[in-house]
Amino acid sequence: RYSDSPAELPGTLQSASGQATTEYHIVLLPEDRAFWRAGSRRIKSARPSTAGRFQFTAVPAGSYLLAALTDLDALDLLDMAFPEQIAPAGVKVSIGEAEKKVQDLRIK
């Protein structure tokens, strides 16, 4: 189901020392494995801006895992073994219909 008011998930990526960092890829994937399929609109990636900010738009409501990766190939998002590898390190975040929820990440 599509909404007239899609949700957004912005945030900032910080290094362990609290400084904004840009050297990672941010991946958003649904917690529900039923949505882990190639081309899913629930699996997204973003790069932080020079200020460490990232944003996911048009996010369907649901529970997600958010992870920062040092390396990402666009084809990784089409490989359904890929979510299995990154899910254990993901930060859980739930987002409601038309919600704009900020979720910052800090690299450990």
Protein backbone atom coordinates (compact mmCIF):
# COMPACT_ATOMS: atom_id res chain seq x y z
CA ARG A 1 0.00 0.00 0.00
CA TYR A 2 1.31 3.42 -0.95
CA SER A 3 0.76 6.51 1.19
CA ASP A 4 0.22 10.13 0.17
CA SER A 5 2.55 11.04 3.03
CA PRO A 6 5.55 8.70 2.94
CA ALA A 7 7.79 8.46 5.98
CA GLU A 8 11.32 9.84 6.15
CA LEU A 9 14.32 8.65 8.12
CA PRO A 10 17.10 11.25 8.39
CA GLY A 11 20.11 11.02 10.68
CA THR A 12 23.77 11.79 11.23
CA LEU A 13 26.67 9.35 11.14
CA GLN A 14 29.35 9.97 13.77
CA SER A 15 32.73 8.45 14.46
CA ALA A 16 33.48 6.88 17.84
CA SER A 17 34.81 10.29 18.97
CA GLY A 18 31.53 12.02 18.00
CA GLN A 19 32.76 13.71 14.83
CA ALA A 20 30.65 13.63 11.66
CA THR A 21 31.98 11.03 9.26
CA THR A 22 31.38 10.35 5.57
CA GLU A 23 33.43 7.23 4.90
CA TYR A 24 30.61 4.72 5.21
CA HIS A 25 27.53 3.53 3.37
CA ILE A 26 24.28 3.50 5.33
CA VAL A 27 21.92 0.59 4.61
CA LEU A 28 18.28 0.39 5.64
CA LEU A 29 16.61 -3.01 5.51
CA PRO A 30 13.35 -4.36 6.89
CA GLU A 31 13.51 -6.41 10.05
CA ASP A 32 10.89 -8.76 8.56
CA ARG A 33 12.74 -11.22 6.35
CA ALA A 34 9.64 -11.63 4.17
CA PHE A 35 10.59 -8.28 2.59
CA TRP A 36 14.17 -9.36 1.81
CA ARG A 37 13.84 -9.68 -1.94
CA ALA A 38 15.67 -8.15 -4.88
CA GLY A 39 14.23 -4.80 -5.89
CA SER A 40 12.37 -4.30 -2.60
CA ARG A 41 11.49 -0.65 -1.97
CA ARG A 42 12.22 -1.37 1.70
CA ILE A 43 15.94 -2.02 1.12
CA LYS A 44 17.82 1.23 0.58
CA SER A 45 21.30 2.68 0.82
CA ALA A 46 22.63 6.20 1.24
CA ARG A 47 25.95 8.01 1.61
CA PRO A 48 26.37 10.67 4.29
CA SER A 49 26.92 14.27 3.20
CA THR A 50 30.13 16.10 4.11
CA ALA A 51 28.38 16.99 7.39
CA GLY A 52 27.69 13.30 8.10
CA ARG A 53 23.96 13.62 7.37
CA PHE A 54 22.00 10.95 5.56
CA GLN A 55 18.33 10.66 4.65
CA PHE A 56 15.98 7.96 3.47
CA THR A 57 12.74 9.14 1.86
CA ALA A 58 9.57 7.32 0.80
CA VAL A 59 10.07 4.73 3.54
CA PRO A 60 7.11 2.37 4.04
CA ALA A 61 5.97 2.14 7.67
CA GLY A 62 7.51 -0.76 9.59
CA SER A 63 10.44 -2.03 11.63
CA TYR A 64 13.89 -1.70 10.12
CA LEU A 65 17.58 -2.31 10.73
CA LEU A 66 20.03 0.48 10.00
CA ALA A 67 23.71 -0.35 9.46
CA ALA A 68 26.89 1.51 8.51
CA LEU A 69 29.24 -0.35 6.17
CA THR A 70 32.76 0.48 5.07
CA ASP A 71 32.18 -0.99 1.62
CA LEU A 72 29.08 -1.51 -0.50
CA ASP A 73 28.59 -2.53 -4.10
CA ALA A 74 25.19 -1.71 -5.67
CA LEU A 75 24.86 -5.39 -6.56
CA ASP A 76 25.05 -6.31 -2.85
CA LEU A 77 21.52 -4.94 -2.45
CA LEU A 78 20.27 -7.47 -5.00
CA ASP A 79 21.93 -10.43 -3.25
CA MET A 80 19.50 -11.75 -0.65
CA ALA A 81 22.33 -13.36 1.34
CA PHE A 82 23.59 -9.81 1.96
CA PRO A 83 20.96 -8.84 4.59
CA GLU A 84 21.87 -11.99 6.54
CA GLN A 85 25.43 -10.68 6.83
CA ILE A 86 24.60 -7.18 8.04
CA ALA A 87 21.39 -7.71 10.09
CA PRO A 88 23.19 -8.74 13.32
CA ALA A 89 25.01 -5.38 13.43
CA GLY A 90 21.93 -3.31 12.58
CA VAL A 91 20.31 -0.75 14.87
CA LYS A 92 16.57 -1.36 15.21
CA VAL A 93 14.27 1.51 14.28
CA SER A 94 10.49 1.58 13.80
CA ILE A 95 8.81 4.17 11.64
CA GLY A 96 5.11 4.92 11.35
CA GLU A 97 2.99 6.06 8.44
CA ALA A 98 3.98 9.62 7.35
CA GLU A 99 6.44 9.87 10.28
CA LYS A 100 9.73 11.74 10.08
CA LYS A 101 11.98 9.99 12.56
CA VAL A 102 15.58 10.99 13.19
CA GLN A 103 18.00 8.13 13.89
CA ASP A 104 21.65 9.02 14.43
CA LEU A 105 24.36 6.37 14.23
CA ARG A 106 27.73 6.27 15.97
CA ILE A 107 30.53 3.99 14.79
CA LYS A 108 31.98 1.94 17.64
